[in-house]
């Protein structure tokens, strides 16, 4: 299982954009909402599950897309099922650690 990630510094915090690798480049459409899972936002590099776990644990701000990604974060105790939104059956979750 691979994940596509981009790590940035945001206001002195580590920000992680992470998605299921298979979603990279896809466009999701639901009603009037269009979302592009772009390489410029999520596509810095591909990582395996163990590296994704480390990045998820060490990031302060996390933007997640995809069933594998969101499931992994919930498994690690990061985020909440209540915060998950779906677009075209694809889960999205944003987490801010304080």
Protein backbone atom coordinates (compact mmCIF):
# COMPACT_ATOMS: atom_id res chain seq x y z
CA UNK A 1 0.00 0.00 0.00
CA UNK A 2 1.48 3.33 -1.07
CA UNK A 3 0.68 6.89 -0.11
CA UNK A 4 1.50 10.11 -1.93
CA UNK A 5 2.74 12.86 0.36
CA UNK A 6 3.90 16.47 0.41
CA UNK A 7 5.41 17.96 3.57
CA UNK A 8 5.49 21.72 4.16
CA UNK A 9 6.24 24.04 7.03
CA UNK A 10 3.17 26.07 7.91
CA UNK A 11 3.47 28.75 10.60
CA UNK A 12 6.36 26.84 12.24
CA UNK A 13 4.39 23.56 12.16
CA UNK A 14 4.84 20.51 9.98
CA UNK A 15 1.95 20.26 7.52
CA UNK A 16 1.32 16.95 5.76
CA UNK A 17 -0.80 16.53 2.65
CA UNK A 18 -1.33 12.79 2.16
CA UNK A 19 -3.54 10.67 -0.06
CA UNK A 20 -3.91 7.13 -1.33
CA UNK A 21 -1.39 6.95 -4.18
CA UNK A 22 -4.02 5.57 -6.56
CA UNK A 23 -6.04 8.81 -6.20
CA UNK A 24 -3.26 11.12 -7.35
CA UNK A 25 -4.36 13.09 -10.40
CA UNK A 26 -8.04 12.09 -10.10
CA UNK A 27 -10.94 14.51 -10.27
CA UNK A 28 -13.90 13.88 -8.00
CA UNK A 29 -17.29 15.31 -8.85
CA UNK A 30 -20.35 15.32 -6.61
CA UNK A 31 -23.26 17.59 -7.38
CA UNK A 32 -21.73 21.04 -7.97
CA UNK A 33 -18.50 20.20 -6.13
CA UNK A 34 -15.34 19.43 -8.12
CA UNK A 35 -12.16 18.35 -6.34
CA UNK A 36 -8.84 17.62 -8.04
CA UNK A 37 -6.35 15.44 -6.13
CA UNK A 38 -3.40 17.24 -7.68
CA UNK A 39 0.26 16.30 -7.86
CA UNK A 40 1.18 19.87 -6.92
CA UNK A 41 -0.63 19.47 -3.58
CA UNK A 42 -0.17 15.78 -2.72
CA UNK A 43 2.56 14.52 -5.05
CA UNK A 44 6.02 15.25 -3.68
CA UNK A 45 6.91 11.57 -3.14
CA UNK A 46 5.49 8.07 -2.68
CA UNK A 47 5.91 6.35 0.69
CA UNK A 48 5.04 2.98 2.14
CA UNK A 49 2.76 2.42 5.15
CA UNK A 50 5.48 2.58 7.82
CA UNK A 51 6.81 5.94 6.64
CA UNK A 52 3.24 7.23 6.32
CA UNK A 53 2.63 6.29 9.98
CA UNK A 54 5.71 8.27 11.07
CA UNK A 55 4.65 11.31 9.05
CA UNK A 56 1.08 11.16 10.40
CA UNK A 57 2.31 10.93 14.00
CA UNK A 58 4.80 13.81 13.63
CA UNK A 59 2.70 16.33 11.70
CA UNK A 60 0.72 19.16 13.29
CA UNK A 61 -1.61 19.89 10.37
CA UNK A 62 -2.77 17.01 8.16
CA UNK A 63 -4.90 17.05 5.01
CA UNK A 64 -5.92 13.47 4.15
CA UNK A 65 -7.77 11.92 1.24
CA UNK A 66 -8.63 8.29 0.56
CA UNK A 67 -9.91 5.20 2.32
CA UNK A 68 -6.47 3.77 3.12
CA UNK A 69 -5.10 7.10 4.35
CA UNK A 70 -8.06 8.01 6.54
CA UNK A 71 -8.33 4.45 7.92
CA UNK A 72 -4.64 4.49 8.85
CA UNK A 73 -5.01 7.81 10.67
CA UNK A 74 -8.05 6.56 12.63
CA UNK A 75 -6.14 3.36 13.48
CA UNK A 76 -3.33 5.54 14.88
CA UNK A 77 -5.77 7.61 16.95
CA UNK A 78 -5.30 10.69 14.78
CA UNK A 79 -8.53 12.47 14.01
CA UNK A 80 -12.07 11.29 14.56
CA UNK A 81 -14.63 9.37 12.55
CA UNK A 82 -16.96 12.33 13.20
CA UNK A 83 -14.68 14.64 11.20
CA UNK A 84 -14.69 12.55 8.02
CA UNK A 85 -16.42 14.05 4.99
CA UNK A 86 -16.98 12.16 1.73
CA UNK A 87 -17.02 13.32 -1.86
CA UNK A 88 -17.97 10.69 -4.45
CA UNK A 89 -17.50 7.99 -1.77
CA UNK A 90 -13.90 9.14 -1.10
CA UNK A 91 -13.22 10.15 2.53
CA UNK A 92 -11.51 13.44 3.43
CA UNK A 93 -10.21 14.37 6.87
CA UNK A 94 -8.35 17.44 8.12
CA UNK A 95 -6.62 17.36 11.50
CA UNK A 96 -5.06 20.18 13.51
CA UNK A 97 -3.06 18.95 16.49
CA UNK A 98 -2.78 21.43 19.33
